[in-house]
Protein backbone atom coordinates (compact mmCIF):
# COMPACT_ATOMS: atom_id res chain seq x y z
CA MET A 1 7.06 52.35 -19.89
CA HIS A 2 3.92 52.55 -22.01
CA PRO A 3 0.59 52.17 -20.20
CA LEU A 4 -1.12 48.85 -20.84
CA SER A 5 -4.09 49.64 -23.05
CA ARG A 6 -6.81 47.53 -24.60
CA ARG A 7 -5.47 48.56 -28.02
CA ARG A 8 -2.04 47.14 -27.16
CA PHE A 9 -3.70 43.95 -26.03
CA LEU A 10 -5.78 43.62 -29.19
CA ARG A 11 -2.74 44.25 -31.35
CA SER A 12 -0.91 41.42 -29.58
CA ALA A 13 -3.93 39.13 -29.37
CA THR A 14 -3.93 38.40 -33.10
CA SER A 15 -1.33 35.73 -32.45
CA LEU A 16 -2.07 34.64 -28.91
CA ILE A 17 -3.00 31.06 -28.16
CA ALA A 18 -5.64 30.99 -25.42
CA LEU A 19 -3.89 33.61 -23.30
CA PRO A 20 -5.32 33.51 -19.75
CA ALA A 21 -7.64 36.32 -18.62
CA LEU A 22 -5.45 38.96 -16.99
CA GLU A 23 -6.62 41.29 -14.23
CA SER A 24 -4.45 44.09 -15.62
CA LEU A 25 -6.61 44.09 -18.75
CA GLY A 26 -9.83 44.43 -16.80
CA PHE A 27 -10.45 40.69 -16.42
CA ARG A 28 -11.06 39.50 -12.85
CA ARG A 29 15.90 18.37 -21.41
CA PHE A 30 15.95 15.37 -20.30
CA ALA A 31 18.51 13.00 -18.65
CA ARG A 32 18.25 9.27 -19.26
CA ALA A 33 17.66 7.38 -16.04
CA GLN A 34 19.73 4.34 -16.91
CA PRO A 35 23.25 3.16 -16.28
CA PRO A 36 25.69 3.46 -19.20
CA GLY A 37 25.13 0.46 -21.44
CA GLY A 38 22.32 -0.83 -19.22
CA ALA A 39 18.69 -1.48 -19.96
CA PRO A 40 16.45 1.61 -19.77
CA LYS A 41 14.06 1.99 -16.86
CA ARG A 42 10.35 1.97 -17.60
CA MET A 43 7.31 2.90 -15.51
CA VAL A 44 3.69 1.82 -15.90
CA PHE A 45 0.80 3.15 -13.79
CA LEU A 46 -2.51 1.25 -13.98
CA GLY A 47 -5.37 2.96 -12.16
CA PHE A 48 -8.99 2.04 -11.66
CA GLY A 49 -11.98 3.52 -9.89
CA PHE A 50 -14.38 2.29 -7.21
CA GLY A 51 -11.76 0.56 -5.05
CA VAL A 52 -11.66 -3.14 -4.21
CA THR A 53 -13.38 -5.65 -1.94
CA GLN A 54 -11.75 -4.90 1.38
CA GLU A 55 -12.45 -8.28 2.96
CA THR A 56 -10.98 -10.36 0.13
CA TRP A 57 -8.38 -8.18 -1.69
CA PHE A 58 -6.01 -7.02 1.04
CA PRO A 59 -3.60 -9.42 2.77
CA ASP A 60 -3.93 -9.67 6.56
CA LEU A 61 -2.32 -6.68 8.27
CA LYS A 62 -1.12 -9.03 11.02
CA THR A 63 1.12 -10.99 8.64
CA PRO A 64 3.54 -8.52 7.06
CA GLY A 65 6.52 -9.74 5.13
CA GLU A 66 6.91 -12.72 2.81
CA ASN A 67 4.82 -15.34 4.61
CA TYR A 68 1.41 -13.77 4.14
CA LEU A 69 -1.60 -15.65 2.83
CA LEU A 70 -2.55 -14.54 -0.67
CA PRO A 71 -6.18 -13.31 -0.42
CA PRO A 72 -8.86 -14.56 -2.87
CA GLY A 73 -8.91 -11.28 -4.82
CA LEU A 74 -5.22 -11.69 -5.68
CA GLU A 75 -5.16 -15.47 -6.20
CA PRO A 76 -4.92 -15.20 -10.02
CA LEU A 77 -1.53 -13.55 -9.42
CA ALA A 78 -0.15 -16.54 -7.49
CA ARG A 79 2.38 -17.47 -10.18
CA HIS A 80 3.88 -13.97 -9.88
CA ARG A 81 3.87 -13.85 -6.10
CA LYS A 82 7.62 -13.25 -5.94
CA ARG A 83 7.43 -10.50 -8.56
CA PHE A 84 5.11 -8.09 -6.72
CA SER A 85 4.50 -6.55 -3.31
CA VAL A 86 1.27 -5.23 -1.81
CA VAL A 87 1.69 -1.93 0.03
CA GLN A 88 -0.79 -1.06 2.79
CA GLY A 89 -1.38 2.01 4.93
CA CYS A 90 -1.12 4.77 2.32
CA ARG A 91 -3.39 7.68 1.55
CA HIS A 92 -3.22 11.24 0.26
CA ARG A 93 -3.17 13.83 3.01
CA PHE A 94 -5.51 16.23 1.21
CA SER A 95 -8.00 13.66 -0.15
CA ASP A 96 -11.43 14.39 1.26
CA ASN A 97 -13.70 13.91 -1.75
CA PRO A 98 -14.60 10.27 -2.45
CA HIS A 99 -16.14 11.31 -5.77
CA GLY A 100 -12.97 13.05 -6.93
CA GLY A 101 -11.87 9.96 -8.80
CA SER A 102 -8.28 9.51 -9.83
CA THR A 103 -7.69 13.26 -10.20
CA PHE A 104 -5.05 13.31 -7.46
CA TRP A 105 -4.00 9.64 -7.46
CA LEU A 106 -0.60 10.30 -9.02
CA THR A 107 -0.18 13.90 -7.87
CA GLY A 108 -1.10 14.06 -4.17
CA ALA A 109 -1.81 17.76 -4.63
CA ASN A 110 -3.70 20.08 -2.31
CA PRO A 111 -6.73 21.18 -4.38
CA PHE A 112 -6.96 24.43 -2.39
CA ALA A 113 -3.28 25.35 -2.49
CA GLU A 114 -3.89 28.43 -4.65
CA PRO A 115 -5.74 31.24 -2.81
CA GLY A 116 -9.01 32.14 -4.50
CA GLN A 117 -9.13 28.95 -6.56
CA SER A 118 -11.49 26.07 -5.86
CA PHE A 119 -9.32 23.57 -7.76
CA HIS A 120 -5.58 23.15 -8.09
CA ASN A 121 -3.47 20.23 -9.24
CA THR A 122 0.20 19.55 -9.82
CA ILE A 123 2.37 17.28 -11.95
CA SER A 124 1.72 13.54 -11.75
CA ALA A 125 4.39 10.96 -10.96
CA ASP A 126 4.39 9.58 -14.51
CA GLN A 127 5.13 12.99 -15.98
CA VAL A 128 8.00 13.55 -13.56
CA ALA A 129 9.42 10.31 -14.95
CA ALA A 130 8.65 11.29 -18.56
CA GLN A 131 10.60 14.55 -18.19
CA GLN A 132 13.77 12.59 -17.49
CA ILE A 133 13.45 9.28 -19.35
CA GLY A 134 11.09 10.24 -22.18
CA GLY A 135 13.31 12.42 -24.29
CA GLY A 136 14.89 9.63 -26.31
CA THR A 137 11.69 7.93 -27.44
CA ARG A 138 9.04 8.85 -30.00
CA PHE A 139 6.50 9.40 -27.21
CA ALA A 140 7.75 10.94 -23.96
CA SER A 141 4.80 9.14 -22.38
CA ILE A 142 1.66 7.38 -23.53
CA GLN A 143 -1.68 7.93 -21.83
CA LEU A 144 -4.33 5.24 -22.22
CA CYS A 145 -7.89 5.54 -20.99
CA SER A 146 -11.37 4.28 -21.74
CA ALA A 147 -14.08 5.69 -23.96
CA GLU A 148 -16.72 5.00 -21.32
CA PRO A 149 -17.81 7.98 -19.19
CA ALA A 150 -15.63 7.69 -16.14
CA GLY A 151 -17.93 8.71 -13.29
CA THR A 152 -14.87 8.97 -11.05
CA GLY A 153 -13.71 12.53 -11.45
CA HIS A 154 -12.61 12.15 -15.06
CA GLY A 155 -14.38 12.87 -18.29
CA GLN A 156 -14.31 10.74 -21.37
CA GLY A 157 -10.87 10.66 -22.97
CA LEU A 158 -8.98 12.00 -19.94
CA SER A 159 -6.15 10.01 -18.46
CA LEU A 160 -4.34 9.64 -15.14
CA ALA A 161 -1.66 12.12 -16.22
CA TRP A 162 -1.30 15.81 -15.28
CA ASN A 163 1.35 18.08 -16.75
CA ALA A 164 3.79 20.44 -15.05
CA GLN A 165 1.10 23.12 -14.84
CA GLY A 166 -1.36 20.74 -13.20
CA LYS A 167 -3.48 20.48 -16.35
CA PRO A 168 -5.03 17.17 -17.48
CA ILE A 169 -3.43 15.33 -20.38
CA PRO A 170 -5.82 13.62 -22.82
CA GLY A 171 -5.30 9.98 -23.68
CA PHE A 172 -5.99 7.42 -26.38
CA ASP A 173 -9.41 6.11 -25.40
CA THR A 174 -9.82 3.02 -27.61
CA PRO A 175 -7.47 0.22 -28.63
CA LEU A 176 -7.95 1.13 -32.31
CA LYS A 177 -6.93 4.78 -31.80
CA THR A 178 -3.99 3.65 -29.73
CA PHE A 179 -2.89 1.19 -32.41
CA HIS A 180 -2.98 3.82 -35.15
CA GLN A 181 -1.13 6.41 -33.09
CA MET A 182 1.61 3.93 -32.28
CA PHE A 183 2.03 1.99 -35.50
CA SER A 184 0.13 3.43 -38.47
CA PRO A 185 2.25 5.56 -40.84
CA ASP A 186 1.43 9.22 -41.46
CA ASN A 187 0.55 9.41 -45.14
CA THR A 188 0.88 13.20 -45.29
CA PRO A 189 3.81 14.04 -47.59
CA PHE A 190 7.03 14.76 -45.72
CA GLU A 191 7.42 18.31 -47.06
CA GLN A 192 3.84 19.15 -46.10
CA ARG A 193 4.37 17.89 -42.56
CA ARG A 194 7.57 19.91 -42.32
CA ALA A 195 5.80 23.02 -43.58
CA LEU A 196 3.11 22.60 -40.91
CA LEU A 197 5.76 22.33 -38.21
CA LEU A 198 7.49 25.47 -39.48
CA GLN A 199 4.16 27.27 -39.44
CA GLU A 200 3.60 26.30 -35.81
CA ARG A 201 7.12 27.44 -34.94
CA SER A 202 6.52 30.79 -36.61
CA LEU A 203 3.33 31.26 -34.64
CA LEU A 204 5.13 30.50 -31.38
CA ASP A 205 7.86 33.01 -32.21
CA THR A 206 5.22 35.69 -32.81
CA VAL A 207 3.48 34.87 -29.53
CA LEU A 208 6.72 35.11 -27.56
CA GLU A 209 7.62 38.44 -29.18
CA ASP A 210 4.21 39.89 -28.38
CA LEU A 211 4.41 38.65 -24.80
CA LYS A 212 7.62 40.61 -24.21
CA ASP A 213 5.67 43.78 -24.96
CA LEU A 214 2.55 42.65 -23.12
CA GLN A 215 4.34 41.84 -19.87
CA ARG A 216 5.06 45.48 -19.10
CA GLY A 217 2.69 46.86 -16.52
CA LEU A 218 1.21 43.56 -15.34
CA ASN A 219 0.44 43.11 -11.68
CA ARG A 220 1.83 40.20 -9.66
CA SER A 221 -1.15 37.93 -10.24
CA ASP A 222 -1.03 38.44 -13.99
CA THR A 223 2.73 37.98 -14.06
CA ASN A 224 2.24 34.55 -12.49
CA LYS A 225 -0.41 33.69 -15.08
CA VAL A 226 1.87 34.74 -17.92
CA SER A 227 4.73 32.68 -16.42
CA GLU A 228 2.47 29.65 -16.42
CA TYR A 229 1.47 30.43 -19.98
CA LEU A 230 5.11 30.71 -21.04
CA GLN A 231 5.76 27.28 -19.57
CA SER A 232 2.93 25.94 -21.75
CA ILE A 233 4.62 27.53 -24.75
CA ARG A 234 7.90 25.84 -23.82
CA ASP A 235 6.06 22.52 -23.63
CA ILE A 236 4.75 23.10 -27.15
CA GLU A 237 8.28 23.90 -28.32
CA THR A 238 9.49 20.63 -26.80
CA ARG A 239 6.74 18.74 -28.58
CA LEU A 240 7.60 20.38 -31.91
CA GLU A 241 11.27 19.55 -31.46
CA LYS A 242 10.37 15.92 -30.81
CA GLU A 243 8.03 15.77 -33.81
CA GLU A 244 10.72 17.23 -36.04
CA LYS A 245 13.28 14.75 -34.73
CA TRP A 246 11.04 11.74 -35.43
CA MET A 247 9.44 13.01 -38.63
CA ALA A 248 11.77 11.09 -40.93
CA VAL A 249 11.85 7.96 -38.76
CA GLU A 250 9.38 5.29 -39.77
CA LYS A 251 7.14 3.90 -37.08
CA PRO A 252 7.81 0.27 -36.13
CA LYS A 253 5.80 -2.44 -37.81
CA PRO A 254 2.66 -3.38 -35.88
CA PRO A 255 2.99 -6.58 -33.82
CA PHE A 256 -0.53 -7.70 -34.74
CA PRO A 257 -3.43 -6.58 -36.97
CA ALA A 258 -5.43 -3.50 -36.02
CA PRO A 259 -8.02 -4.33 -33.32
CA GLY A 260 -11.74 -3.94 -33.84
CA GLU A 261 -13.64 -0.74 -33.15
CA THR A 262 -16.12 -2.18 -30.66
CA LEU A 263 -13.89 -3.75 -28.02
CA ALA A 264 -15.09 -3.08 -24.49
CA GLY A 265 -14.57 -4.27 -20.97
CA ARG A 266 -12.31 -7.27 -20.47
CA GLU A 267 -11.25 -7.49 -24.12
CA GLU A 268 -10.50 -3.77 -24.23
CA VAL A 269 -8.18 -4.08 -21.23
CA ARG A 270 -6.51 -7.17 -22.68
CA VAL A 271 -5.74 -5.45 -26.01
CA MET A 272 -4.63 -2.23 -24.30
CA TYR A 273 -2.20 -4.34 -22.27
CA ASP A 274 -0.92 -5.93 -25.49
CA LEU A 275 -0.37 -2.47 -26.98
CA LEU A 276 1.35 -1.32 -23.80
CA VAL A 277 3.80 -4.22 -23.96
CA ALA A 278 4.42 -3.63 -27.67
CA ALA A 279 5.16 0.06 -27.06
CA LEU A 280 7.71 -0.76 -24.37
CA ARG A 281 9.27 -3.60 -26.35
CA VAL A 282 10.06 -1.45 -29.41
CA ASP A 283 10.92 1.55 -27.20
CA LEU A 284 8.16 3.83 -28.48
CA THR A 285 7.94 5.08 -24.90
CA ARG A 286 9.19 4.27 -21.43
CA VAL A 287 6.29 5.74 -19.44
CA VAL A 288 2.66 4.59 -19.67
CA THR A 289 -0.49 5.32 -17.70
CA TYR A 290 -3.80 3.54 -18.17
CA ARG A 291 -7.09 4.60 -16.58
CA GLN A 292 -9.05 1.39 -16.84
CA PRO A 293 -12.78 0.88 -17.46
CA ILE A 294 -14.97 -0.51 -14.73
CA SER A 295 -18.58 -0.25 -15.92
CA SER A 296 -17.89 -1.96 -19.24
CA LEU A 297 -15.66 -4.50 -17.49
CA LEU A 298 -18.58 -5.50 -15.27
CA SER A 299 -20.88 -5.79 -18.29
CA SER A 300 -18.36 -7.97 -20.12
CA LEU A 301 -18.29 -10.26 -17.08
CA GLY A 302 -22.07 -10.61 -17.08
CA VAL A 303 -22.44 -8.53 -13.91
CA LYS A 304 -25.66 -6.51 -13.76
CA VAL A 305 -24.75 -4.38 -10.75
CA ALA A 306 -23.76 -0.76 -11.54
CA ALA A 307 -20.18 0.19 -10.71
CA HIS A 308 -21.11 2.84 -8.13
CA ASP A 309 -23.61 0.53 -6.41
CA MET A 310 -20.98 -2.21 -6.35
CA SER A 311 -18.55 0.04 -4.48
CA HIS A 312 -21.14 0.43 -1.70
CA TYR A 313 -21.42 -3.29 -1.27
CA ALA A 314 -22.87 -5.43 1.50
CA PRO A 315 -22.90 -9.24 1.66
CA GLY A 316 -24.92 -10.46 -1.27
CA GLU A 317 -25.13 -9.50 -4.94
CA ARG A 318 -23.10 -6.29 -4.68
CA MET A 319 -20.25 -7.89 -2.78
CA GLU A 320 -20.19 -10.80 -5.21
CA ALA A 321 -19.99 -8.33 -8.09
CA SER A 322 -17.05 -6.60 -6.43
CA GLN A 323 -15.25 -9.89 -5.90
CA ILE A 324 -15.82 -10.95 -9.51
CA ARG A 325 -14.34 -7.62 -10.63
CA ASP A 326 -11.30 -8.10 -8.36
CA LYS A 327 -10.51 -11.55 -9.75
CA ALA A 328 -11.00 -10.42 -13.34
CA GLN A 329 -8.60 -7.50 -12.85
CA SER A 330 -6.04 -9.74 -11.15
CA THR A 331 -6.32 -12.26 -13.99
CA LEU A 332 -5.71 -9.54 -16.57
CA LEU A 333 -2.80 -8.15 -14.56
CA ALA A 334 -1.25 -11.62 -14.30
CA GLU A 335 -1.48 -11.93 -18.09
CA LEU A 336 0.24 -8.55 -18.47
CA LEU A 337 3.07 -9.63 -16.17
CA ASP A 338 3.39 -12.85 -18.20
CA LYS A 339 3.85 -10.80 -21.37
CA LEU A 340 6.32 -8.35 -19.80
CA ASP A 341 8.32 -11.29 -18.48
CA ALA A 342 8.34 -12.98 -21.90
CA ALA A 343 9.15 -9.82 -23.89
CA LYS A 344 12.84 -9.02 -24.32
CA GLY A 345 14.44 -5.61 -24.43
CA GLY A 346 17.35 -4.56 -26.61
CA ASP A 347 19.86 -6.21 -24.27
CA GLY A 348 17.99 -9.52 -24.25
CA SER A 349 16.68 -9.24 -20.68
CA ALA A 350 13.01 -9.44 -19.76
CA LEU A 351 11.12 -6.14 -19.81
CA LEU A 352 9.68 -6.95 -16.39
CA ASP A 353 13.16 -6.92 -14.88
CA HIS A 354 13.55 -3.22 -15.72
CA THR A 355 9.94 -2.04 -15.50
CA THR A 356 7.98 -0.79 -12.51
CA VAL A 357 4.29 -1.66 -12.73
CA VAL A 358 1.94 0.10 -10.31
CA PHE A 359 -1.63 -1.19 -10.00
CA GLY A 360 -4.08 0.55 -7.72
CA SER A 361 -6.88 2.94 -6.93
CA ASN A 362 -7.38 6.30 -5.26
CA ILE A 363 -10.08 4.82 -3.03
CA ARG A 364 -10.25 1.75 -0.81
CA THR A 365 -13.94 1.05 -1.23
CA GLY A 366 -17.22 2.95 -0.90
CA HIS A 367 -16.32 6.38 0.45
CA TYR A 368 -13.12 5.35 2.24
CA LEU A 369 -9.96 7.13 1.10
CA ASP A 370 -7.44 5.52 3.44
CA ASN A 371 -5.33 2.42 2.73
CA CYS A 372 -5.48 2.97 -1.03
CA PRO A 373 -5.12 -0.40 -2.82
CA THR A 374 -1.52 -0.47 -4.05
CA LEU A 375 0.34 -3.29 -5.78
CA ILE A 376 3.85 -2.82 -7.18
CA ALA A 377 5.45 -5.33 -9.56
CA GLY A 378 8.63 -5.62 -11.59
CA GLY A 379 12.28 -4.87 -10.97
CA GLY A 380 12.53 -1.38 -12.40
CA SER A 381 12.76 0.55 -9.16
CA GLY A 382 14.75 -1.86 -7.03
CA ILE A 383 12.17 -2.40 -4.30
CA ARG A 384 11.91 -5.73 -2.50
CA LEU A 385 9.19 -7.88 -3.99
CA GLY A 386 7.12 -10.82 -2.77
CA ARG A 387 5.99 -9.07 0.40
CA ASN A 388 3.01 -7.68 2.24
CA VAL A 389 4.36 -4.25 3.20
CA VAL A 390 2.42 -2.78 6.12
CA LEU A 391 3.20 0.89 6.69
CA PRO A 392 2.03 3.20 9.49
CA LYS A 393 -1.56 4.36 9.03
CA ASP A 394 -1.96 7.33 6.66
CA THR A 395 1.56 7.18 5.24
CA PRO A 396 1.59 9.59 2.27
CA LEU A 397 0.99 7.62 -0.93
CA CYS A 398 3.33 10.07 -2.62
CA ASN A 399 6.14 8.67 -0.46
CA ALA A 400 5.66 5.42 -2.36
CA TRP A 401 5.71 7.26 -5.70
CA LEU A 402 8.85 9.15 -4.64
CA THR A 403 10.53 5.87 -3.66
CA LEU A 404 9.72 4.33 -7.05
CA LEU A 405 10.86 7.40 -8.96
CA GLN A 406 14.19 7.66 -7.17
CA GLY A 407 14.67 3.89 -7.39
CA SER A 408 14.23 4.21 -11.16
CA GLY A 409 16.95 6.83 -11.37
CA ILE A 410 14.60 9.82 -11.55
CA GLN A 411 16.15 12.84 -9.88
CA THR A 412 13.42 14.42 -7.78
CA GLU A 413 13.21 15.28 -4.11
CA ARG A 414 9.49 15.73 -3.68
CA LEU A 415 6.11 14.94 -5.19
CA GLY A 416 2.74 16.22 -3.99
CA ASP A 417 2.41 15.73 -0.24
CA SER A 418 5.45 13.46 0.08
CA THR A 419 7.63 13.67 3.17
CA GLY A 420 10.39 11.31 2.08
CA VAL A 421 11.16 7.90 0.64
CA LEU A 422 10.05 4.63 2.25
CA PRO A 423 12.95 2.46 3.48
CA ALA A 424 10.36 -0.26 4.20
CA LEU A 425 9.98 -0.78 0.44
CA THR A 426 13.67 -1.32 -0.17
CA ALA A 427 14.99 -2.75 3.13
């Protein structure tokens, strides 16, 4: 075995792609989740920051089941009452930072799980789904977000999704960008695109060859880092394989003209929902996440209260702002469900019948992290709908995600801090 020298590292580093700092160098396929011949399962996760108005969004805990009174914050959804359930009592076991935003909403990870690290995340529920039902579509998953600074633990352009290494996945942050990515043709000549792919493949081959030599003499910590790095390389290989597969396939024709560049707030959400439905309808993807805007939504509604101030409401202007926001979001969600119900899949059935739509937040309101607002619609995961589901206090939210994943045919036994599925959602 040759000693690991800086010269050996430099010789290998000419082709490395952001190799992690290693202490030893002196630095401290998919399986379709659908029945044969049946309609494919689809999953949509819609997340928003700053919670809801506790007094007027949640159904009464004392009236579980079907005969609950629809609260004012959900009244715009009345026509879909039998197509959704509200789930109460859930939280993430390790959530203790109200300003952490949606970072752990779909992962339920322990941020301190790795010794010596102040931040750690794991794969999000949408990406678990994408690994198994995303292989046959042009996009394994689509991440939508907003161009406004998030202020809830996310930066501009970051989504709700986290990959298998617990790294954030960027998203399309405007309707126009989303439209072009989904429907606009790539005008680069075919042979040039193919040459670029081959160049990337050649680079990956060189990296992997150098890593075989570099791995000798690494300590345990560095071996783990290299293993994580190799998984990232495999992810790149999967992406290249998918790009090569779809290179000669024309994108579907756009369902409507390209949207404007300056959409914000309510109109941004409405167009993003239209694009989401279009992507599912033509089977561009079967997994979508959307981190929704709040500040620009308030502005588009004529609300002058800042989003953070609104979340710390008291009776008066702040509470009214929160209630206006709730009704606007419910109205937009009702419109989305209308469109999913009207849109037909390849077998002629409504998309909503085979799609799971999750709508919720990582935070109840203010600084409260228990009873995360959670609404589940659609028939994709086989849960019972039309109910106010009241679970024991502090039930792991990841138990709900696990129930939806398994109900959608996703083979997984655990996610984040989950302890098992929730029979109360299906019984």
